Amino acid sequence: MFEASRPAREEWPYCDGEFELWPRHTRAPAALRPLVLAFGPLGLITGLVGTAISAAGSAAAGQNAKALGDFEQAQYAQDAMTDVAVGQRKMLDQQYRTKFIQSQLQARAAGGGQNPAVGSANILGQQIAGRGEYNSLMDLSQGQIRAAAATNMGSGDEYQGRLAESMVPYQIAGTIAGGAGSFFSGAQKLGLWG
C-alpha cells in the first residue's frame, strides 16, 4: 500500500528521474552564484567564529558556576557560625533569667520568714533551675541545628558549582561538533567539496 501511494521517480520535481542529494531548487540561481560563492565562505567563517565564542562562553559559565558555589558555601559557613553564636547568646540569656527568678524566690521566701533551702521554696527553686537549664540547652541546640542546615546547604551549592564546572568540556565539545557540522554542511551546499 505504501509503494502504491508513492509517486514514481519521474514525477518527483527537480530530479529528472535521478535522485539528487541536493535538489536544484535548493541551489542559488545562476545569476546569484557569484554572490553566494563570494559571501558563502564568509558565512562559514562567521559560523566558526560563533562556535569558538560559544565554546569560550561555556567555559566561562562553568568557571562562574564554580565561583558562585564556592562563594555561597562560604556565606553559609559564616551563617552557621552566626547561628551557633545566636544560640549561645540565647542560652546565656535564659540562664541569667533563671538565676534571677531563683534569686527572687529566695529573697521572697527569706522575707516571708521561711528558710529558702528547705520545703516548698527549695523544691520550687529546683524546678525553676531544671526548666531554665532545659530551655537554655534547647536554645543552644536550635542554633546548632540551624548551623548544620546552613553547612549542608553550603556543601550542596559547592557541589553544584563543581558539577557545572565538570560539564564544561562536554558543552564545549558539543558546541564545536555542532559548529563543525554546520560548517561542513554549508561547505557542501556551496559546492566547496563533495
N, C-alpha and C. Protein backbone atom coordinates (compact mmCIF):
# COMPACT_ATOMS: atom_id res chain seq x y z
N MET A 1 0.82 -1.19 0.00
CA MET A 1 0.00 0.00 0.00
C MET A 1 0.86 1.25 0.00
N PHE A 2 1.98 1.23 0.74
CA PHE A 2 2.85 2.39 0.78
C PHE A 2 3.46 2.66 -0.59
N GLU A 3 3.90 1.62 -1.27
CA GLU A 3 4.52 1.79 -2.59
C GLU A 3 3.53 2.36 -3.60
N ALA A 4 2.25 1.97 -3.51
CA ALA A 4 1.27 2.41 -4.49
C ALA A 4 0.97 3.90 -4.35
N SER A 5 1.02 4.43 -3.14
CA SER A 5 0.69 5.84 -2.95
C SER A 5 1.88 6.76 -3.23
N ARG A 6 3.02 6.20 -3.40
CA ARG A 6 4.22 7.00 -3.64
C ARG A 6 4.36 7.27 -5.14
N PRO A 7 4.64 8.53 -5.53
CA PRO A 7 4.76 8.82 -6.97
C PRO A 7 6.02 8.18 -7.54
N ALA A 8 5.98 7.91 -8.80
CA ALA A 8 7.15 7.36 -9.48
C ALA A 8 8.25 8.40 -9.50
N ARG A 9 9.49 7.96 -9.67
CA ARG A 9 10.63 8.89 -9.67
C ARG A 9 10.50 9.94 -10.76
N GLU A 10 9.91 9.59 -11.84
CA GLU A 10 9.79 10.56 -12.93
C GLU A 10 8.89 11.72 -12.54
N GLU A 11 7.99 11.49 -11.57
CA GLU A 11 7.06 12.54 -11.16
C GLU A 11 7.65 13.43 -10.07
N TRP A 12 8.78 13.05 -9.49
CA TRP A 12 9.36 13.87 -8.45
C TRP A 12 9.91 15.14 -9.07
N PRO A 13 9.70 16.28 -8.45
CA PRO A 13 10.20 17.53 -9.04
C PRO A 13 11.71 17.63 -8.93
N TYR A 14 12.33 18.25 -9.89
CA TYR A 14 13.75 18.59 -9.90
C TYR A 14 14.69 17.39 -9.89
N CYS A 15 14.26 16.26 -10.39
CA CYS A 15 15.20 15.15 -10.33
C CYS A 15 15.42 14.47 -11.68
N ASP A 16 14.61 14.71 -12.67
CA ASP A 16 14.77 14.11 -13.99
C ASP A 16 14.96 12.60 -13.90
N GLY A 17 14.26 11.98 -12.99
CA GLY A 17 14.32 10.54 -12.87
C GLY A 17 15.51 10.04 -12.07
N GLU A 18 16.45 10.90 -11.75
CA GLU A 18 17.62 10.52 -10.97
C GLU A 18 17.51 11.18 -9.60
N PHE A 19 17.91 10.46 -8.58
CA PHE A 19 17.85 11.03 -7.22
C PHE A 19 19.03 11.96 -7.03
N GLU A 20 18.75 13.17 -6.51
CA GLU A 20 19.80 14.14 -6.22
C GLU A 20 19.81 14.42 -4.73
N LEU A 21 20.99 14.36 -4.15
CA LEU A 21 21.11 14.65 -2.73
C LEU A 21 20.78 16.10 -2.45
N TRP A 22 21.24 17.01 -3.33
CA TRP A 22 20.93 18.43 -3.20
C TRP A 22 20.13 18.84 -4.42
N PRO A 23 18.79 18.81 -4.33
CA PRO A 23 17.96 19.15 -5.49
C PRO A 23 18.26 20.55 -5.99
N ARG A 24 17.96 20.78 -7.26
CA ARG A 24 18.25 22.07 -7.89
C ARG A 24 17.51 23.23 -7.22
N HIS A 25 16.32 22.96 -6.71
CA HIS A 25 15.55 24.07 -6.13
C HIS A 25 16.18 24.61 -4.85
N THR A 26 17.15 23.90 -4.26
CA THR A 26 17.81 24.42 -3.07
C THR A 26 19.07 25.20 -3.41
N ARG A 27 19.48 25.17 -4.65
CA ARG A 27 20.68 25.89 -5.07
C ARG A 27 20.31 27.32 -5.48
N ALA A 28 21.29 28.19 -5.42
CA ALA A 28 21.07 29.58 -5.81
C ALA A 28 20.93 29.66 -7.33
N PRO A 29 20.10 30.59 -7.83
CA PRO A 29 20.00 30.78 -9.28
C PRO A 29 21.35 31.17 -9.85
N ALA A 30 21.52 30.91 -11.13
CA ALA A 30 22.81 31.14 -11.78
C ALA A 30 23.29 32.59 -11.63
N ALA A 31 22.38 33.55 -11.65
CA ALA A 31 22.77 34.96 -11.55
C ALA A 31 23.33 35.29 -10.16
N LEU A 32 22.89 34.56 -9.15
CA LEU A 32 23.33 34.86 -7.78
C LEU A 32 24.51 34.01 -7.33
N ARG A 33 24.93 33.07 -8.16
CA ARG A 33 26.01 32.18 -7.74
C ARG A 33 27.31 32.92 -7.44
N PRO A 34 27.70 33.97 -8.18
CA PRO A 34 28.92 34.68 -7.79
C PRO A 34 28.83 35.29 -6.38
N LEU A 35 27.64 35.80 -6.01
CA LEU A 35 27.47 36.35 -4.66
C LEU A 35 27.54 35.26 -3.61
N VAL A 36 26.91 34.13 -3.92
CA VAL A 36 26.94 33.02 -2.98
C VAL A 36 28.37 32.53 -2.79
N LEU A 37 29.11 32.43 -3.88
CA LEU A 37 30.49 31.98 -3.78
C LEU A 37 31.35 33.01 -3.05
N ALA A 38 31.02 34.31 -3.19
CA ALA A 38 31.80 35.34 -2.52
C ALA A 38 31.47 35.43 -1.03
N PHE A 39 30.17 35.40 -0.70
CA PHE A 39 29.76 35.59 0.69
C PHE A 39 29.49 34.29 1.43
N GLY A 40 29.34 33.20 0.72
CA GLY A 40 29.10 31.92 1.38
C GLY A 40 30.22 31.53 2.32
N PRO A 41 31.48 31.58 1.87
CA PRO A 41 32.57 31.26 2.79
C PRO A 41 32.64 32.21 3.98
N LEU A 42 32.24 33.47 3.76
CA LEU A 42 32.21 34.42 4.87
C LEU A 42 31.23 33.94 5.94
N GLY A 43 30.09 33.42 5.50
CA GLY A 43 29.12 32.87 6.44
C GLY A 43 29.67 31.66 7.18
N LEU A 44 30.43 30.85 6.47
CA LEU A 44 31.03 29.69 7.12
C LEU A 44 32.06 30.12 8.17
N ILE A 45 32.87 31.11 7.80
CA ILE A 45 33.88 31.61 8.75
C ILE A 45 33.20 32.25 9.96
N THR A 46 32.16 33.02 9.70
CA THR A 46 31.41 33.63 10.80
C THR A 46 30.82 32.56 11.71
N GLY A 47 30.33 31.48 11.11
CA GLY A 47 29.81 30.37 11.91
C GLY A 47 30.87 29.74 12.79
N LEU A 48 32.09 29.58 12.25
CA LEU A 48 33.18 29.03 13.05
C LEU A 48 33.58 29.97 14.17
N VAL A 49 33.60 31.27 13.91
CA VAL A 49 33.90 32.24 14.96
C VAL A 49 32.83 32.19 16.05
N GLY A 50 31.58 32.09 15.63
CA GLY A 50 30.48 31.98 16.60
C GLY A 50 30.61 30.72 17.44
N THR A 51 31.04 29.65 16.83
CA THR A 51 31.25 28.40 17.57
C THR A 51 32.35 28.58 18.62
N ALA A 52 33.43 29.24 18.23
CA ALA A 52 34.53 29.46 19.18
C ALA A 52 34.08 30.35 20.34
N ILE A 53 33.31 31.38 20.03
CA ILE A 53 32.82 32.28 21.08
C ILE A 53 31.87 31.54 22.01
N SER A 54 31.01 30.72 21.44
CA SER A 54 30.08 29.94 22.26
C SER A 54 30.83 28.97 23.17
N ALA A 55 31.87 28.34 22.64
CA ALA A 55 32.68 27.43 23.46
C ALA A 55 33.35 28.18 24.60
N ALA A 56 33.88 29.36 24.31
CA ALA A 56 34.51 30.17 25.36
C ALA A 56 33.47 30.59 26.40
N GLY A 57 32.27 30.89 25.93
CA GLY A 57 31.19 31.24 26.87
C GLY A 57 30.83 30.08 27.77
N SER A 58 30.83 28.88 27.22
CA SER A 58 30.55 27.69 28.04
C SER A 58 31.61 27.52 29.12
N ALA A 59 32.86 27.74 28.74
CA ALA A 59 33.96 27.62 29.72
C ALA A 59 33.80 28.67 30.82
N ALA A 60 33.49 29.89 30.43
CA ALA A 60 33.31 30.96 31.42
C ALA A 60 32.12 30.68 32.32
N ALA A 61 31.05 30.14 31.75
CA ALA A 61 29.86 29.82 32.56
C ALA A 61 30.19 28.76 33.61
N GLY A 62 30.97 27.77 33.24
CA GLY A 62 31.36 26.74 34.20
C GLY A 62 32.22 27.30 35.32
N GLN A 63 33.17 28.16 34.95
CA GLN A 63 34.02 28.76 35.97
C GLN A 63 33.21 29.67 36.90
N ASN A 64 32.25 30.40 36.32
CA ASN A 64 31.41 31.27 37.14
C ASN A 64 30.52 30.46 38.07
N ALA A 65 30.00 29.33 37.58
CA ALA A 65 29.16 28.48 38.43
C ALA A 65 29.98 27.94 39.60
N LYS A 66 31.22 27.56 39.35
CA LYS A 66 32.09 27.07 40.41
C LYS A 66 32.37 28.18 41.42
N ALA A 67 32.68 29.37 40.91
CA ALA A 67 32.95 30.50 41.81
C ALA A 67 31.72 30.85 42.65
N LEU A 68 30.54 30.80 42.02
CA LEU A 68 29.31 31.08 42.76
C LEU A 68 29.07 30.04 43.85
N GLY A 69 29.29 28.77 43.51
CA GLY A 69 29.13 27.72 44.51
C GLY A 69 30.08 27.90 45.68
N ASP A 70 31.33 28.25 45.39
CA ASP A 70 32.31 28.49 46.47
C ASP A 70 31.91 29.68 47.33
N PHE A 71 31.43 30.75 46.67
CA PHE A 71 31.00 31.94 47.41
C PHE A 71 29.82 31.63 48.33
N GLU A 72 28.82 30.93 47.78
CA GLU A 72 27.64 30.61 48.59
C GLU A 72 28.00 29.67 49.73
N GLN A 73 28.93 28.76 49.48
CA GLN A 73 29.36 27.86 50.54
C GLN A 73 30.02 28.67 51.67
N ALA A 74 30.83 29.65 51.32
CA ALA A 74 31.46 30.50 52.34
C ALA A 74 30.42 31.31 53.10
N GLN A 75 29.40 31.79 52.40
CA GLN A 75 28.33 32.55 53.06
C GLN A 75 27.58 31.66 54.05
N TYR A 76 27.27 30.43 53.63
CA TYR A 76 26.57 29.52 54.54
C TYR A 76 27.43 29.14 55.74
N ALA A 77 28.74 29.02 55.53
CA ALA A 77 29.62 28.72 56.66
C ALA A 77 29.61 29.87 57.66
N GLN A 78 29.59 31.09 57.15
CA GLN A 78 29.51 32.25 58.04
C GLN A 78 28.16 32.28 58.76
N ASP A 79 27.08 31.97 58.04
CA ASP A 79 25.77 31.90 58.67
C ASP A 79 25.74 30.84 59.76
N ALA A 80 26.43 29.73 59.53
CA ALA A 80 26.45 28.66 60.52
C ALA A 80 27.11 29.14 61.81
N MET A 81 28.22 29.86 61.69
CA MET A 81 28.89 30.38 62.89
C MET A 81 27.99 31.38 63.61
N THR A 82 27.28 32.19 62.85
CA THR A 82 26.37 33.17 63.45
C THR A 82 25.22 32.47 64.17
N ASP A 83 24.70 31.40 63.56
CA ASP A 83 23.60 30.66 64.19
C ASP A 83 24.03 30.05 65.53
N VAL A 84 25.22 29.51 65.58
CA VAL A 84 25.72 28.95 66.84
C VAL A 84 25.89 30.06 67.88
N ALA A 85 26.42 31.20 67.44
CA ALA A 85 26.62 32.32 68.38
C ALA A 85 25.28 32.83 68.91
N VAL A 86 24.28 32.92 68.04
CA VAL A 86 22.95 33.36 68.48
C VAL A 86 22.37 32.36 69.48
N GLY A 87 22.54 31.07 69.20
CA GLY A 87 22.06 30.04 70.13
C GLY A 87 22.75 30.13 71.48
N GLN A 88 24.06 30.38 71.47
CA GLN A 88 24.79 30.53 72.72
C GLN A 88 24.31 31.75 73.49
N ARG A 89 24.06 32.83 72.77
CA ARG A 89 23.60 34.06 73.45
C ARG A 89 22.22 33.84 74.08
N LYS A 90 21.35 33.16 73.35
CA LYS A 90 20.02 32.87 73.92
C LYS A 90 20.15 31.96 75.14
N MET A 91 21.08 31.01 75.06
CA MET A 91 21.30 30.11 76.19
C MET A 91 21.76 30.90 77.42
N LEU A 92 22.72 31.78 77.22
CA LEU A 92 23.22 32.58 78.35
C LEU A 92 22.13 33.48 78.92
N ASP A 93 21.31 34.04 78.04
CA ASP A 93 20.21 34.89 78.49
C ASP A 93 19.21 34.08 79.32
N GLN A 94 18.92 32.87 78.86
CA GLN A 94 17.98 32.00 79.59
C GLN A 94 18.56 31.64 80.96
N GLN A 95 19.86 31.35 81.02
CA GLN A 95 20.48 31.04 82.31
C GLN A 95 20.44 32.24 83.25
N TYR A 96 20.65 33.42 82.71
CA TYR A 96 20.60 34.64 83.53
C TYR A 96 19.19 34.83 84.10
N ARG A 97 18.17 34.68 83.24
CA ARG A 97 16.79 34.86 83.71
C ARG A 97 16.43 33.81 84.77
N THR A 98 16.91 32.58 84.58
CA THR A 98 16.63 31.52 85.56
C THR A 98 17.25 31.87 86.91
N LYS A 99 18.49 32.33 86.90
CA LYS A 99 19.16 32.70 88.16
C LYS A 99 18.46 33.90 88.81
N PHE A 100 17.97 34.81 87.97
CA PHE A 100 17.25 35.97 88.51
C PHE A 100 15.96 35.53 89.20
N ILE A 101 15.23 34.62 88.57
CA ILE A 101 13.98 34.13 89.17
C ILE A 101 14.27 33.37 90.46
N GLN A 102 15.32 32.56 90.45
CA GLN A 102 15.68 31.84 91.68
C GLN A 102 16.06 32.82 92.79
N SER A 103 16.76 33.85 92.42
CA SER A 103 17.16 34.85 93.41
C SER A 103 15.93 35.53 94.00
N GLN A 104 14.95 35.86 93.15
CA GLN A 104 13.71 36.47 93.64
C GLN A 104 12.97 35.51 94.58
N LEU A 105 12.95 34.24 94.19
CA LEU A 105 12.27 33.24 95.03
C LEU A 105 12.92 33.15 96.41
N GLN A 106 14.25 33.12 96.45
CA GLN A 106 14.95 33.04 97.72
C GLN A 106 14.71 34.29 98.56
N ALA A 107 14.71 35.45 97.91
CA ALA A 107 14.51 36.70 98.64
C ALA A 107 13.10 36.77 99.22
N ARG A 108 12.12 36.36 98.45
CA ARG A 108 10.74 36.41 98.95
C ARG A 108 10.51 35.38 100.06
N ALA A 109 11.13 34.21 99.90
CA ALA A 109 10.98 33.20 100.95
C ALA A 109 11.62 33.69 102.26
N ALA A 110 12.81 34.26 102.13
CA ALA A 110 13.50 34.76 103.33
C ALA A 110 12.74 35.94 103.92
N GLY A 111 12.16 36.79 103.06
CA GLY A 111 11.40 37.94 103.54
C GLY A 111 10.11 37.51 104.23
N GLY A 112 9.62 36.36 103.86
CA GLY A 112 8.39 35.85 104.47
C GLY A 112 8.66 35.01 105.70
N GLY A 113 9.92 34.92 106.11
CA GLY A 113 10.26 34.18 107.32
C GLY A 113 10.51 32.71 107.08
N GLN A 114 10.66 32.26 105.85
CA GLN A 114 10.92 30.85 105.56
C GLN A 114 12.39 30.64 105.25
N ASN A 115 12.83 29.41 105.41
CA ASN A 115 14.19 29.05 105.03
C ASN A 115 14.14 28.62 103.55
N PRO A 116 14.79 29.37 102.63
CA PRO A 116 14.70 29.03 101.20
C PRO A 116 15.39 27.71 100.83
N ALA A 117 16.18 27.13 101.73
CA ALA A 117 16.90 25.90 101.42
C ALA A 117 16.09 24.66 101.74
N VAL A 118 14.92 24.81 102.36
CA VAL A 118 14.11 23.64 102.73
C VAL A 118 12.67 23.88 102.31
N GLY A 119 11.93 22.79 102.19
CA GLY A 119 10.50 22.87 101.95
C GLY A 119 10.13 23.20 100.52
N SER A 120 8.94 23.79 100.38
CA SER A 120 8.39 24.06 99.04
C SER A 120 9.19 25.09 98.28
N ALA A 121 9.81 26.03 98.95
CA ALA A 121 10.63 27.04 98.27
C ALA A 121 11.83 26.38 97.61
N ASN A 122 12.42 25.40 98.30
CA ASN A 122 13.57 24.69 97.73
C ASN A 122 13.15 23.84 96.52
N ILE A 123 12.03 23.16 96.65
CA ILE A 123 11.54 22.33 95.53
C ILE A 123 11.20 23.20 94.33
N LEU A 124 10.52 24.30 94.58
CA LEU A 124 10.19 25.22 93.50
C LEU A 124 11.46 25.77 92.85
N GLY A 125 12.48 26.10 93.65
CA GLY A 125 13.75 26.58 93.11
C GLY A 125 14.43 25.54 92.23
N GLN A 126 14.36 24.27 92.64
CA GLN A 126 14.95 23.20 91.84
C GLN A 126 14.19 23.02 90.51
N GLN A 127 12.88 23.12 90.56
CA GLN A 127 12.08 23.00 89.34
C GLN A 127 12.39 24.15 88.36
N ILE A 128 12.51 25.35 88.91
CA ILE A 128 12.85 26.51 88.07
C ILE A 128 14.24 26.32 87.46
N ALA A 129 15.17 25.85 88.25
CA ALA A 129 16.53 25.62 87.75
C ALA A 129 16.53 24.56 86.65
N GLY A 130 15.79 23.50 86.86
CA GLY A 130 15.73 22.43 85.85
C GLY A 130 15.11 22.91 84.55
N ARG A 131 14.01 23.64 84.67
CA ARG A 131 13.36 24.15 83.46
C ARG A 131 14.24 25.18 82.75
N GLY A 132 14.90 26.01 83.51
CA GLY A 132 15.80 27.00 82.92
C GLY A 132 16.96 26.35 82.18
N GLU A 133 17.52 25.29 82.78
CA GLU A 133 18.61 24.57 82.11
C GLU A 133 18.11 23.92 80.82
N TYR A 134 16.91 23.34 80.89
CA TYR A 134 16.33 22.72 79.68
C TYR A 134 16.13 23.77 78.58
N ASN A 135 15.55 24.91 78.92
CA ASN A 135 15.32 25.95 77.93
C ASN A 135 16.62 26.49 77.35
N SER A 136 17.63 26.66 78.19
CA SER A 136 18.91 27.18 77.69
C SER A 136 19.58 26.18 76.75
N LEU A 137 19.51 24.90 77.07
CA LEU A 137 20.09 23.88 76.19
C LEU A 137 19.31 23.78 74.87
N MET A 138 18.00 24.00 74.93
CA MET A 138 17.19 23.99 73.69
C MET A 138 17.59 25.16 72.80
N ASP A 139 17.83 26.31 73.40
CA ASP A 139 18.27 27.47 72.60
C ASP A 139 19.60 27.17 71.91
N LEU A 140 20.53 26.58 72.63
CA LEU A 140 21.81 26.23 72.03
C LEU A 140 21.63 25.17 70.94
N SER A 141 20.80 24.18 71.21
CA SER A 141 20.57 23.11 70.24
C SER A 141 19.95 23.66 68.95
N GLN A 142 19.00 24.57 69.07
CA GLN A 142 18.39 25.15 67.87
C GLN A 142 19.41 25.92 67.04
N GLY A 143 20.32 26.62 67.71
CA GLY A 143 21.38 27.32 66.98
C GLY A 143 22.29 26.34 66.25
N GLN A 144 22.60 25.23 66.90
CA GLN A 144 23.46 24.23 66.27
C GLN A 144 22.75 23.53 65.10
N ILE A 145 21.45 23.31 65.23
CA ILE A 145 20.68 22.71 64.13
C ILE A 145 20.65 23.64 62.93
N ARG A 146 20.41 24.93 63.17
CA ARG A 146 20.43 25.89 62.07
C ARG A 146 21.81 25.97 61.43
N ALA A 147 22.85 25.86 62.25
CA ALA A 147 24.22 25.87 61.73
C ALA A 147 24.47 24.65 60.85
N ALA A 148 24.00 23.49 61.28
CA ALA A 148 24.18 22.28 60.47
C ALA A 148 23.44 22.39 59.15
N ALA A 149 22.23 22.96 59.19
CA ALA A 149 21.46 23.14 57.95
C ALA A 149 22.18 24.10 57.01
N ALA A 150 22.72 25.17 57.55
CA ALA A 150 23.45 26.12 56.70
C ALA A 150 24.70 25.48 56.11
N THR A 151 25.39 24.68 56.89
CA THR A 151 26.57 23.98 56.39
C THR A 151 26.21 23.02 55.27
N ASN A 152 25.11 22.30 55.46
CA ASN A 152 24.66 21.36 54.41
C ASN A 152 24.27 22.10 53.13
N MET A 153 23.59 23.21 53.26
CA MET A 153 23.21 23.98 52.08
C MET A 153 24.45 24.51 51.37
N GLY A 154 25.43 24.95 52.13
CA GLY A 154 26.67 25.42 51.53
C GLY A 154 27.40 24.31 50.79
N SER A 155 27.42 23.13 51.38
CA SER A 155 28.06 22.00 50.71
C SER A 155 27.32 21.64 49.43
N GLY A 156 26.00 21.74 49.45
CA GLY A 156 25.22 21.47 48.23
C GLY A 156 25.51 22.47 47.13
N ASP A 157 25.61 23.74 47.49
CA ASP A 157 25.93 24.76 46.50
C ASP A 157 27.34 24.58 45.93
N GLU A 158 28.27 24.21 46.80
CA GLU A 158 29.63 23.97 46.32
C GLU A 158 29.64 22.78 45.36
N TYR A 159 28.89 21.73 45.68
CA TYR A 159 28.82 20.56 44.80
C TYR A 159 28.21 20.92 43.44
N GLN A 160 27.14 21.72 43.46
CA GLN A 160 26.53 22.14 42.19
C GLN A 160 27.52 22.93 41.35
N GLY A 161 28.31 23.77 41.98
CA GLY A 161 29.31 24.54 41.24
C GLY A 161 30.36 23.65 40.62
N ARG A 162 30.84 22.66 41.38
CA ARG A 162 31.83 21.73 40.83
C ARG A 162 31.23 20.89 39.71
N LEU A 163 29.96 20.51 39.87
CA LEU A 163 29.30 19.72 38.83
C LEU A 163 29.16 20.53 37.54
N ALA A 164 28.76 21.79 37.68
CA ALA A 164 28.64 22.65 36.48
C ALA A 164 30.00 22.83 35.82
N GLU A 165 31.04 22.98 36.63
CA GLU A 165 32.38 23.14 36.07
C GLU A 165 32.83 21.87 35.35
N SER A 166 32.45 20.70 35.88
CA SER A 166 32.87 19.45 35.25
C SER A 166 32.15 19.20 33.93
N MET A 167 31.01 19.85 33.71
CA MET A 167 30.25 19.67 32.47
C MET A 167 30.80 20.53 31.33
N VAL A 168 31.67 21.48 31.63
CA VAL A 168 32.16 22.41 30.62
C VAL A 168 32.83 21.72 29.43
N PRO A 169 33.71 20.74 29.63
CA PRO A 169 34.33 20.11 28.46
C PRO A 169 33.30 19.48 27.51
N TYR A 170 32.25 18.91 28.08
CA TYR A 170 31.22 18.31 27.23
C TYR A 170 30.43 19.37 26.47
N GLN A 171 30.14 20.50 27.14
CA GLN A 171 29.44 21.59 26.47
C GLN A 171 30.30 22.16 25.34
N ILE A 172 31.58 22.31 25.60
CA ILE A 172 32.48 22.84 24.57
C ILE A 172 32.56 21.87 23.40
N ALA A 173 32.71 20.58 23.70
CA ALA A 173 32.78 19.58 22.63
C ALA A 173 31.50 19.57 21.80
N GLY A 174 30.35 19.67 22.46
CA GLY A 174 29.08 19.71 21.73
C GLY A 174 28.95 20.94 20.86
N THR A 175 29.39 22.08 21.37
CA THR A 175 29.34 23.32 20.60
C THR A 175 30.25 23.23 19.38
N ILE A 176 31.45 22.72 19.58
CA ILE A 176 32.39 22.60 18.46
C ILE A 176 31.88 21.59 17.44
N ALA A 177 31.34 20.48 17.90
CA ALA A 177 30.82 19.48 16.97
C ALA A 177 29.64 20.04 16.17
N GLY A 178 28.76 20.78 16.83
CA GLY A 178 27.63 21.40 16.12
C GLY A 178 28.10 22.42 15.11
N GLY A 179 29.09 23.22 15.50
CA GLY A 179 29.64 24.22 14.57
C GLY A 179 30.33 23.57 13.39
N ALA A 180 31.07 22.48 13.65
CA ALA A 180 31.74 21.78 12.55
C ALA A 180 30.72 21.16 11.61
N GLY A 181 29.65 20.60 12.17
CA GLY A 181 28.60 20.04 11.32
C GLY A 181 27.96 21.09 10.45
N SER A 182 27.69 22.23 11.01
CA SER A 182 27.12 23.33 10.21
C SER A 182 28.10 23.79 9.15
N PHE A 183 29.38 23.86 9.51
CA PHE A 183 30.39 24.29 8.55
C PHE A 183 30.45 23.32 7.37
N PHE A 184 30.56 22.03 7.65
CA PHE A 184 30.67 21.05 6.57
C PHE A 184 29.41 20.98 5.73
N SER A 185 28.26 21.12 6.37
CA SER A 185 27.00 21.12 5.63
C SER A 185 26.93 22.33 4.70
N GLY A 186 27.30 23.51 5.23
CA GLY A 186 27.29 24.71 4.41
C GLY A 186 28.31 24.65 3.29
N ALA A 187 29.47 24.10 3.58
CA ALA A 187 30.52 23.98 2.56
C ALA A 187 30.08 23.04 1.45
N GLN A 188 29.40 21.99 1.82
CA GLN A 188 28.92 21.05 0.80
C GLN A 188 27.83 21.70 -0.05
N LYS A 189 26.95 22.47 0.59
CA LYS A 189 25.91 23.17 -0.18
C LYS A 189 26.51 24.19 -1.14
N LEU A 190 27.61 24.81 -0.72
CA LEU A 190 28.27 25.77 -1.61
C LEU A 190 29.08 25.08 -2.68
N GLY A 191 29.24 23.80 -2.56
CA GLY A 191 29.99 23.06 -3.57
C GLY A 191 31.49 23.16 -3.36
N LEU A 192 31.93 23.50 -2.15
CA LEU A 192 33.35 23.60 -1.89
C LEU A 192 34.01 22.23 -1.89
N TRP A 193 33.26 21.19 -1.56
CA TRP A 193 33.69 19.81 -1.75
C TRP A 193 32.48 18.91 -1.72
N GLY A 194 32.67 17.70 -2.06
CA GLY A 194 31.60 16.69 -2.05
C GLY A 194 30.77 16.81 -3.21
